[in-house]
Amino acid sequence: MQTHLSASTPLDAVVESTGRHAHDTLQLAWVCTGMGRVYCRGAAHDAAAGSVVVVPPGEMHHGHSVGADGWGYRILDAAQLQEIAAELPGRPRAEFAWVTCRDASLAAAFARWAAAGEGGLEADSLAWEAMAALVCHGGRTPAAGREPAAVREAVAFLEAHWAEPVPLEHLARVAGVSRFHLARAFKREVGLPPHAYQTQLRVAHAMRMLRRGWSISRAAFATGFAAQSHLHRHFKRVLGVTPGQYAARARTLKSPR
């Protein structure tokens, strides 16, 4: 039985075994549950949860789960990885000397991406962050360029379009740099990745709306959150109180004594 997991596939899906086969293109997978063993390049490679698996084009390989609970993995877009690699100075291709790698920073980056769901600047940014971490695994740092100016342009755009869905590709185009450079420079200069900065802008606008007496649901949709629960989650994370608590406090301050 073979099950390929996408970003939307439940994490409890498992793979017991795969037959011997090869692919025409580079294959990438992130192991999210359980543990497996991959046979490739004449050796066996263990792949525990958190590992990244890389199989070169044309390489015969097979694998199976280790243990009764099986293993689950998410297939990654290798074309996107090559696209990021092409944006790095002096590195036209992403090539790997290993088949499996379990690195804490890579595992954390892919876990953040998997938890983000699909669509929007957050999911887009975290996908690119995970891919960039994989490309740069080994300590390579891209050369500095016009990043501070590009970050200022990106910040200004987000401040003017805080409620709109902004793909990372579009934000990078506005800033005049690659997505890879913008994601790294933005976090370095601002202290937050672009999606987190936009979320804070949205929360700040929701605060103003709640102070004006808007309902929580109306404020949530007006500030670009997909649902009231999303505003609740981000509002509490940023401010330490829920939107309802904040609105109640604002009403108390406004009421005559």
C-alpha atoms as a PDB file:
ATOM      1  CA  MET A   1       0.000   0.000   0.000  1.00  0.00           C
ATOM      2  CA  GLN A   2       1.321   3.437  -0.900  1.00  0.00           C
ATOM      3  CA  THR A   3      -0.144   6.717   0.264  1.00  0.00           C
ATOM      4  CA  HIS A   4       1.323  10.060  -0.776  1.00  0.00           C
ATOM      5  CA  LEU A   5       0.390  12.865   1.560  1.00  0.00           C
ATOM      6  CA  SER A   6      -0.210  16.410   0.403  1.00  0.00           C
ATOM      7  CA  ALA A   7      -0.316  19.453   2.676  1.00  0.00           C
ATOM      8  CA  SER A   8      -4.037  18.857   3.206  1.00  0.00           C
ATOM      9  CA  THR A   9      -3.837  15.127   3.921  1.00  0.00           C
ATOM     10  CA  PRO A  10      -4.554  14.105   7.551  1.00  0.00           C
ATOM     11  CA  LEU A  11      -1.445  13.250   9.522  1.00  0.00           C
ATOM     12  CA  ASP A  12      -2.831   9.853  10.570  1.00  0.00           C
ATOM     13  CA  ALA A  13      -2.494   8.454   7.055  1.00  0.00           C
ATOM     14  CA  VAL A  14       0.242   5.806   6.910  1.00  0.00           C
ATOM     15  CA  VAL A  15       2.363   3.972   4.376  1.00  0.00           C
ATOM     16  CA  GLU A  16       3.251   0.343   4.976  1.00  0.00           C
ATOM     17  CA  SER A  17       5.526  -0.322   1.993  1.00  0.00           C
ATOM     18  CA  THR A  18       6.363   0.710  -1.547  1.00  0.00           C
ATOM     19  CA  GLY A  19       7.564  -1.478  -4.395  1.00  0.00           C
ATOM     20  CA  ARG A  20      10.899  -0.986  -6.127  1.00  0.00           C
ATOM     21  CA  HIS A  21      10.565   1.885  -8.604  1.00  0.00           C
ATOM     22  CA  ALA A  22      12.180   5.054  -9.985  1.00  0.00           C
ATOM     23  CA  HIS A  23      11.030   8.565 -10.975  1.00  0.00           C
ATOM     24  CA  ASP A  24      11.950  10.867 -13.854  1.00  0.00           C
ATOM     25  CA  THR A  25      12.342  13.850 -11.512  1.00  0.00           C
ATOM     26  CA  LEU A  26      13.862  14.551  -8.113  1.00  0.00           C
ATOM     27  CA  GLN A  27      11.594  13.247  -5.341  1.00  0.00           C
ATOM     28  CA  LEU A  28      11.253  14.950  -1.963  1.00  0.00           C
ATOM     29  CA  ALA A  29       9.254  13.872   1.063  1.00  0.00           C
ATOM     30  CA  TRP A  30       8.948  14.991   4.668  1.00  0.00           C
ATOM     31  CA  VAL A  31       8.228  12.188   7.168  1.00  0.00           C
ATOM     32  CA  CYS A  32       5.570  13.478   9.538  1.00  0.00           C
ATOM     33  CA  THR A  33       4.579  10.370  11.502  1.00  0.00           C
ATOM     34  CA  GLY A  34       6.090   7.042  12.451  1.00  0.00           C
ATOM     35  CA  MET A  35       9.332   5.715  11.001  1.00  0.00           C
ATOM     36  CA  GLY A  36      10.323   4.167   7.691  1.00  0.00           C
ATOM     37  CA  ARG A  37      13.327   2.705   5.963  1.00  0.00           C
ATOM     38  CA  VAL A  38      14.308   3.688   2.427  1.00  0.00           C
ATOM     39  CA  TYR A  39      16.549   1.490   0.265  1.00  0.00           C
ATOM     40  CA  CYS A  40      18.417   3.660  -2.214  1.00  0.00           C
ATOM     41  CA  ARG A  41      21.950   4.070  -3.584  1.00  0.00           C
ATOM     42  CA  GLY A  42      22.882   0.590  -2.406  1.00  0.00           C
ATOM     43  CA  ALA A  43      22.105   1.143   1.257  1.00  0.00           C
ATOM     44  CA  ALA A  44      19.271   1.277   3.795  1.00  0.00           C
ATOM     45  CA  HIS A  45      18.394   4.700   5.216  1.00  0.00           C
ATOM     46  CA  ASP A  46      16.210   5.124   8.308  1.00  0.00           C
ATOM     47  CA  ALA A  47      13.689   7.964   8.135  1.00  0.00           C
ATOM     48  CA  ALA A  48      12.119   8.860  11.472  1.00  0.00           C
ATOM     49  CA  ALA A  49       9.419  11.518  11.908  1.00  0.00           C
ATOM     50  CA  GLY A  50      10.945  14.896  11.116  1.00  0.00           C
ATOM     51  CA  SER A  51      13.272  13.519   8.449  1.00  0.00           C
ATOM     52  CA  VAL A  52      13.524  14.746   4.881  1.00  0.00           C
ATOM     53  CA  VAL A  53      13.933  12.093   2.164  1.00  0.00           C
ATOM     54  CA  VAL A  54      15.575  12.918  -1.177  1.00  0.00           C
ATOM     55  CA  VAL A  55      15.644  10.467  -4.097  1.00  0.00           C
ATOM     56  CA  PRO A  56      17.521  11.539  -7.261  1.00  0.00           C
ATOM     57  CA  PRO A  57      15.942  11.154 -10.722  1.00  0.00           C
ATOM     58  CA  GLY A  58      16.219   7.664 -12.181  1.00  0.00           C
ATOM     59  CA  GLU A  59      17.364   6.096  -8.892  1.00  0.00           C
ATOM     60  CA  MET A  60      15.722   2.746  -8.156  1.00  0.00           C
ATOM     61  CA  HIS A  61      14.406   2.685  -4.599  1.00  0.00           C
ATOM     62  CA  HIS A  62      11.794   1.214  -2.304  1.00  0.00           C
ATOM     63  CA  GLY A  63      10.813   1.554   1.328  1.00  0.00           C
ATOM     64  CA  HIS A  64       8.667   0.256   4.132  1.00  0.00           C
ATOM     65  CA  SER A  65       7.460   1.261   7.565  1.00  0.00           C
ATOM     66  CA  VAL A  66       9.334   0.256  10.696  1.00  0.00           C
ATOM     67  CA  GLY A  67       6.899  -0.806  13.399  1.00  0.00           C
ATOM     68  CA  ALA A  68       3.241  -1.677  13.502  1.00  0.00           C
ATOM     69  CA  ASP A  69       1.967   1.904  13.256  1.00  0.00           C
ATOM     70  CA  GLY A  70       3.288   2.540   9.750  1.00  0.00           C
ATOM     71  CA  TRP A  71       4.700   5.870   8.613  1.00  0.00           C
ATOM     72  CA  GLY A  72       3.205   8.945   7.012  1.00  0.00           C
ATOM     73  CA  TYR A  73       4.916  11.425   4.723  1.00  0.00           C
ATOM     74  CA  ARG A  74       4.129  14.474   2.634  1.00  0.00           C
ATOM     75  CA  ILE A  75       5.357  14.744  -0.936  1.00  0.00           C
ATOM     76  CA  LEU A  76       7.032  18.087  -1.657  1.00  0.00           C
ATOM     77  CA  ASP A  77       7.234  20.024  -4.916  1.00  0.00           C
ATOM     78  CA  ALA A  78      10.774  19.498  -6.188  1.00  0.00           C
ATOM     79  CA  ALA A  79      10.253  22.043  -8.976  1.00  0.00           C
ATOM     80  CA  GLN A  80       9.685  24.702  -6.336  1.00  0.00           C
ATOM     81  CA  LEU A  81      12.895  23.652  -4.610  1.00  0.00           C
ATOM     82  CA  GLN A  82      14.877  24.056  -7.823  1.00  0.00           C
ATOM     83  CA  GLU A  83      13.264  27.448  -8.342  1.00  0.00           C
ATOM     84  CA  ILE A  84      14.480  28.624  -4.932  1.00  0.00           C
ATOM     85  CA  ALA A  85      17.945  27.178  -5.588  1.00  0.00           C
ATOM     86  CA  ALA A  86      18.153  29.097  -8.860  1.00  0.00           C
ATOM     87  CA  GLU A  87      17.682  32.354  -6.917  1.00  0.00           C
ATOM     88  CA  LEU A  88      20.803  31.730  -4.854  1.00  0.00           C
ATOM     89  CA  PRO A  89      24.084  33.195  -6.136  1.00  0.00           C
ATOM     90  CA  GLY A  90      26.359  30.513  -7.524  1.00  0.00           C
ATOM     91  CA  ARG A  91      23.941  27.627  -6.930  1.00  0.00           C
ATOM     92  CA  PRO A  92      21.953  26.819 -10.078  1.00  0.00           C
ATOM     93  CA  ARG A  93      20.738  23.425  -8.808  1.00  0.00           C
ATOM     94  CA  ALA A  94      19.794  21.856  -5.507  1.00  0.00           C
ATOM     95  CA  GLU A  95      21.732  18.607  -5.193  1.00  0.00           C
ATOM     96  CA  PHE A  96      22.066  16.392  -2.128  1.00  0.00           C
ATOM     97  CA  ALA A  97      24.737  13.915  -1.099  1.00  0.00           C
ATOM     98  CA  TRP A  98      22.364  12.229   1.344  1.00  0.00           C
ATOM     99  CA  VAL A  99      19.124  10.247   1.017  1.00  0.00           C
ATOM    100  CA  THR A 100      17.640  10.981   4.447  1.00  0.00           C
ATOM    101  CA  CYS A 101      18.381  13.829   6.810  1.00  0.00           C
ATOM    102  CA  ARG A 102      16.991  14.487  10.265  1.00  0.00           C
ATOM    103  CA  ASP A 103      17.916  17.999  11.328  1.00  0.00           C
ATOM    104  CA  ALA A 104      16.079  19.907  14.097  1.00  0.00           C
ATOM    105  CA  SER A 105      15.913  23.199  12.193  1.00  0.00           C
ATOM    106  CA  LEU A 106      14.610  21.497   9.036  1.00  0.00           C
ATOM    107  CA  ALA A 107      12.038  19.510  11.009  1.00  0.00           C
ATOM    108  CA  ALA A 108      10.794  22.682  12.721  1.00  0.00           C
ATOM    109  CA  ALA A 109      10.503  24.550   9.421  1.00  0.00           C
ATOM    110  CA  PHE A 110       8.506  21.766   7.758  1.00  0.00           C
ATOM    111  CA  ALA A 111       6.295  21.329  10.841  1.00  0.00           C
ATOM    112  CA  ARG A 112       5.393  25.041  10.752  1.00  0.00           C
ATOM    113  CA  TRP A 113       4.494  24.740   7.084  1.00  0.00           C
ATOM    114  CA  ALA A 114       2.390  21.620   7.637  1.00  0.00           C
ATOM    115  CA  ALA A 115       0.438  23.310  10.450  1.00  0.00           C
ATOM    116  CA  ALA A 116      -0.344  26.398   8.366  1.00  0.00           C
ATOM    117  CA  GLY A 117      -2.881  24.760   6.060  1.00  0.00           C
ATOM    118  CA  GLU A 118      -3.167  25.980   2.474  1.00  0.00           C
ATOM    119  CA  GLY A 119      -3.546  29.383   0.840  1.00  0.00           C
ATOM    120  CA  GLY A 120      -2.613  32.887   1.904  1.00  0.00           C
ATOM    121  CA  LEU A 121       0.631  34.658   2.692  1.00  0.00           C
ATOM    122  CA  GLU A 122       1.273  32.575   5.816  1.00  0.00           C
ATOM    123  CA  ALA A 123       1.132  29.196   4.073  1.00  0.00           C
ATOM    124  CA  ASP A 124       3.067  30.541   1.074  1.00  0.00           C
ATOM    125  CA  SER A 125       5.776  32.084   3.262  1.00  0.00           C
ATOM    126  CA  LEU A 126       6.178  29.010   5.449  1.00  0.00           C
ATOM    127  CA  ALA A 127       6.390  26.710   2.423  1.00  0.00           C
ATOM    128  CA  TRP A 128       9.160  28.832   1.000  1.00  0.00           C
ATOM    129  CA  GLU A 129      10.851  29.074   4.387  1.00  0.00           C
ATOM    130  CA  ALA A 130      10.915  25.284   4.660  1.00  0.00           C
ATOM    131  CA  MET A 131      12.218  24.844   1.117  1.00  0.00           C
ATOM    132  CA  ALA A 132      14.846  27.548   1.618  1.00  0.00           C
ATOM    133  CA  ALA A 133      16.016  25.848   4.814  1.00  0.00           C
ATOM    134  CA  LEU A 134      16.418  22.633   2.854  1.00  0.00           C
ATOM    135  CA  VAL A 135      18.361  24.331   0.049  1.00  0.00           C
ATOM    136  CA  CYS A 136      20.624  26.113   2.518  1.00  0.00           C
ATOM    137  CA  HIS A 137      21.158  23.097   4.730  1.00  0.00           C
ATOM    138  CA  GLY A 138      24.873  23.128   5.298  1.00  0.00           C
ATOM    139  CA  GLY A 139      25.198  26.784   6.211  1.00  0.00           C
ATOM    140  CA  ARG A 140      25.155  28.624   2.908  1.00  0.00           C
ATOM    141  CA  THR A 141      24.081  32.284   3.241  1.00  0.00           C
ATOM    142  CA  PRO A 142      23.105  34.277   0.146  1.00  0.00           C
ATOM    143  CA  ALA A 143      25.013  37.430  -0.636  1.00  0.00           C
ATOM    144  CA  ALA A 144      23.569  40.701   0.634  1.00  0.00           C
ATOM    145  CA  GLY A 145      22.064  43.092  -1.886  1.00  0.00           C
ATOM    146  CA  ARG A 146      19.395  45.778  -1.756  1.00  0.00           C
ATOM    147  CA  GLU A 147      17.461  43.966   0.932  1.00  0.00           C
ATOM    148  CA  PRO A 148      16.851  46.860   3.418  1.00  0.00           C
ATOM    149  CA  ALA A 149      15.268  49.011   0.698  1.00  0.00           C
ATOM    150  CA  ALA A 150      13.284  46.026  -0.548  1.00  0.00           C
ATOM    151  CA  VAL A 151      12.032  45.336   2.970  1.00  0.00           C
ATOM    152  CA  ARG A 152      10.874  48.940   3.343  1.00  0.00           C
ATOM    153  CA  GLU A 153       8.924  48.632   0.096  1.00  0.00           C
ATOM    154  CA  ALA A 154       7.389  45.340   1.240  1.00  0.00           C
ATOM    155  CA  VAL A 155       6.424  46.821   4.623  1.00  0.00           C
ATOM    156  CA  ALA A 156       4.805  49.833   2.954  1.00  0.00           C
ATOM    157  CA  PHE A 157       2.841  47.559   0.632  1.00  0.00           C
ATOM    158  CA  LEU A 158       1.589  45.380   3.496  1.00  0.00           C
ATOM    159  CA  GLU A 159       0.592  48.456   5.491  1.00  0.00           C
ATOM    160  CA  ALA A 160      -1.445  49.662   2.527  1.00  0.00           C
ATOM    161  CA  HIS A 161      -2.954  46.224   1.766  1.00  0.00           C
ATOM    162  CA  TRP A 162      -3.160  44.671   5.229  1.00  0.00           C
ATOM    163  CA  ALA A 163      -6.613  43.081   4.731  1.00  0.00           C
ATOM    164  CA  GLU A 164      -5.907  41.598   1.296  1.00  0.00           C
ATOM    165  CA  PRO A 165      -4.479  38.167   0.447  1.00  0.00           C
ATOM    166  CA  VAL A 166      -0.911  38.901  -0.653  1.00  0.00           C
ATOM    167  CA  PRO A 167       1.030  36.020  -2.250  1.00  0.00           C
ATOM    168  CA  LEU A 168       4.721  36.036  -1.396  1.00  0.00           C
ATOM    169  CA  GLU A 169       5.530  36.075  -5.106  1.00  0.00           C
ATOM    170  CA  HIS A 170       3.602  39.338  -5.558  1.00  0.00           C
ATOM    171  CA  LEU A 171       5.191  40.934  -2.487  1.00  0.00           C
ATOM    172  CA  ALA A 172       8.662  40.031  -3.779  1.00  0.00           C
ATOM    173  CA  ARG A 173       7.800  41.499  -7.174  1.00  0.00           C
ATOM    174  CA  VAL A 174       6.759  44.765  -5.508  1.00  0.00           C
ATOM    175  CA  ALA A 175      10.012  44.813  -3.549  1.00  0.00           C
ATOM    176  CA  GLY A 176      12.115  43.991  -6.615  1.00  0.00           C
ATOM    177  CA  VAL A 177      13.911  40.967  -5.156  1.00  0.00           C
ATOM    178  CA  SER A 178      13.430  37.212  -5.195  1.00  0.00           C
ATOM    179  CA  ARG A 179      11.037  35.513  -2.809  1.00  0.00           C
ATOM    180  CA  PHE A 180      13.948  33.806  -1.103  1.00  0.00           C
ATOM    181  CA  HIS A 181      15.840  37.050  -0.476  1.00  0.00           C
ATOM    182  CA  LEU A 182      12.741  38.900   0.671  1.00  0.00           C
ATOM    183  CA  ALA A 183      11.730  36.191   3.170  1.00  0.00           C
ATOM    184  CA  ARG A 184      15.189  36.122   4.759  1.00  0.00           C
ATOM    185  CA  ALA A 185      15.754  39.887   4.719  1.00  0.00           C
ATOM    186  CA  PHE A 186      12.266  40.732   5.984  1.00  0.00           C
ATOM    187  CA  LYS A 187      12.655  38.532   9.047  1.00  0.00           C
ATOM    188  CA  ARG A 188      16.149  39.877   9.697  1.00  0.00           C
ATOM    189  CA  GLU A 189      15.158  43.552   9.394  1.00  0.00           C
ATOM    190  CA  VAL A 190      11.646  43.480  10.907  1.00  0.00           C
ATOM    191  CA  GLY A 191      12.020  40.604  13.357  1.00  0.00           C
ATOM    192  CA  LEU A 192       8.999  38.798  11.883  1.00  0.00           C
ATOM    193  CA  PRO A 193       8.320  36.994   8.600  1.00  0.00           C
ATOM    194  CA  PRO A 194       5.991  38.855   6.187  1.00  0.00           C
ATOM    195  CA  HIS A 195       2.880  36.839   7.064  1.00  0.00           C
ATOM    196  CA  ALA A 196       3.335  37.441  10.803  1.00  0.00           C
ATOM    197  CA  TYR A 197       3.795  41.174  10.212  1.00  0.00           C
ATOM    198  CA  GLN A 198       0.582  41.292   8.170  1.00  0.00           C
ATOM    199  CA  THR A 199      -1.214  39.388  10.930  1.00  0.00           C
ATOM    200  CA  GLN A 200      -0.111  41.964  13.492  1.00  0.00           C
ATOM    201  CA  LEU A 201      -1.401  44.749  11.235  1.00  0.00           C
ATOM    202  CA  ARG A 202      -4.742  42.971  10.989  1.00  0.00           C
ATOM    203  CA  VAL A 203      -4.953  42.520  14.751  1.00  0.00           C
ATOM    204  CA  ALA A 204      -4.195  46.216  15.281  1.00  0.00           C
ATOM    205  CA  HIS A 205      -7.019  47.209  12.936  1.00  0.00           C
ATOM    206  CA  ALA A 206      -9.369  44.720  14.627  1.00  0.00           C
ATOM    207  CA  MET A 207      -8.584  46.393  17.970  1.00  0.00           C
ATOM    208  CA  ARG A 208      -9.691  49.757  16.571  1.00  0.00           C
ATOM    209  CA  MET A 209     -12.887  48.253  15.194  1.00  0.00           C
ATOM    210  CA  LEU A 210     -13.737  46.581  18.501  1.00  0.00           C
ATOM    211  CA  ARG A 211     -13.181  49.863  20.330  1.00  0.00           C
ATOM    212  CA  ARG A 212     -15.698  51.435  17.938  1.00  0.00           C
ATOM    213  CA  GLY A 213     -18.270  48.812  18.898  1.00  0.00           C
ATOM    214  CA  TRP A 214     -17.992  46.432  15.949  1.00  0.00           C
ATOM    215  CA  SER A 215     -18.980  42.824  16.532  1.00  0.00           C
ATOM    216  CA  ILE A 216     -16.151  40.304  16.661  1.00  0.00           C
ATOM    217  CA  SER A 217     -17.363  38.476  13.545  1.00  0.00           C
ATOM    218  CA  ARG A 218     -17.664  41.711  11.567  1.00  0.00           C
ATOM    219  CA  ALA A 219     -14.176  42.803  12.644  1.00  0.00           C
ATOM    220  CA  ALA A 220     -12.752  39.375  11.764  1.00  0.00           C
ATOM    221  CA  PHE A 221     -13.996  39.418   8.178  1.00  0.00           C
ATOM    222  CA  ALA A 222     -13.224  43.115   7.686  1.00  0.00           C
ATOM    223  CA  THR A 223      -9.592  42.541   8.652  1.00  0.00           C
ATOM    224  CA  GLY A 224      -9.069  39.615   6.297  1.00  0.00           C
ATOM    225  CA  PHE A 225      -9.336  36.668   8.687  1.00  0.00           C
ATOM    226  CA  ALA A 226     -11.038  33.610   7.229  1.00  0.00           C
ATOM    227  CA  ALA A 227     -13.187  33.086  10.323  1.00  0.00           C
ATOM    228  CA  GLN A 228     -13.876  34.528  13.745  1.00  0.00           C
ATOM    229  CA  SER A 229     -11.872  31.698  15.286  1.00  0.00           C
ATOM    230  CA  HIS A 230      -8.797  32.788  13.334  1.00  0.00           C
ATOM    231  CA  LEU A 231      -9.038  36.304  14.715  1.00  0.00           C
ATOM    232  CA  HIS A 232      -9.512  34.836  18.203  1.00  0.00           C
ATOM    233  CA  ARG A 233      -6.360  32.713  17.904  1.00  0.00           C
ATOM    234  CA  HIS A 234      -4.107  35.457  16.566  1.00  0.00           C
ATOM    235  CA  PHE A 235      -5.592  38.178  18.787  1.00  0.00           C
ATOM    236  CA  LYS A 236      -4.885  36.175  21.930  1.00  0.00           C
ATOM    237  CA  ARG A 237      -1.401  35.247  20.766  1.00  0.00           C
ATOM    238  CA  VAL A 238      -0.489  38.882  20.063  1.00  0.00           C
ATOM    239  CA  LEU A 239      -2.250  40.621  22.973  1.00  0.00           C
ATOM    240  CA  GLY A 240      -2.707  37.900  25.561  1.00  0.00           C
ATOM    241  CA  VAL A 241      -6.495  38.436  25.738  1.00  0.00           C
ATOM    242  CA  THR A 242      -9.360  37.289  23.530  1.00  0.00           C
ATOM    243  CA  PRO A 243     -11.292  39.686  21.267  1.00  0.00           C
ATOM    244  CA  GLY A 244     -14.300  39.276  23.552  1.00  0.00           C
ATOM    245  CA  GLN A 245     -12.280  40.217  26.630  1.00  0.00           C
ATOM    246  CA  TYR A 246     -10.772  43.180  24.824  1.00  0.00           C
ATOM    247  CA  ALA A 247     -14.181  44.390  23.599  1.00  0.00           C
ATOM    248  CA  ALA A 248     -15.694  44.043  27.088  1.00  0.00           C
ATOM    249  CA  ARG A 249     -12.845  46.061  28.573  1.00  0.00           C
ATOM    250  CA  ALA A 250     -13.288  48.736  25.915  1.00  0.00           C
ATOM    251  CA  ARG A 251     -17.021  48.977  26.705  1.00  0.00           C
ATOM    252  CA  THR A 252     -16.273  49.309  30.421  1.00  0.00           C
ATOM    253  CA  LEU A 253     -13.861  52.161  29.786  1.00  0.00           C
ATOM    254  CA  LYS A 254     -16.433  53.931  27.622  1.00  0.00           C
ATOM    255  CA  SER A 255     -19.374  53.549  29.992  1.00  0.00           C
ATOM    256  CA  PRO A 256     -20.171  56.519  32.283  1.00  0.00           C
ATOM    257  CA  ARG A 257     -19.320  56.119  35.955  1.00  0.00           C
END
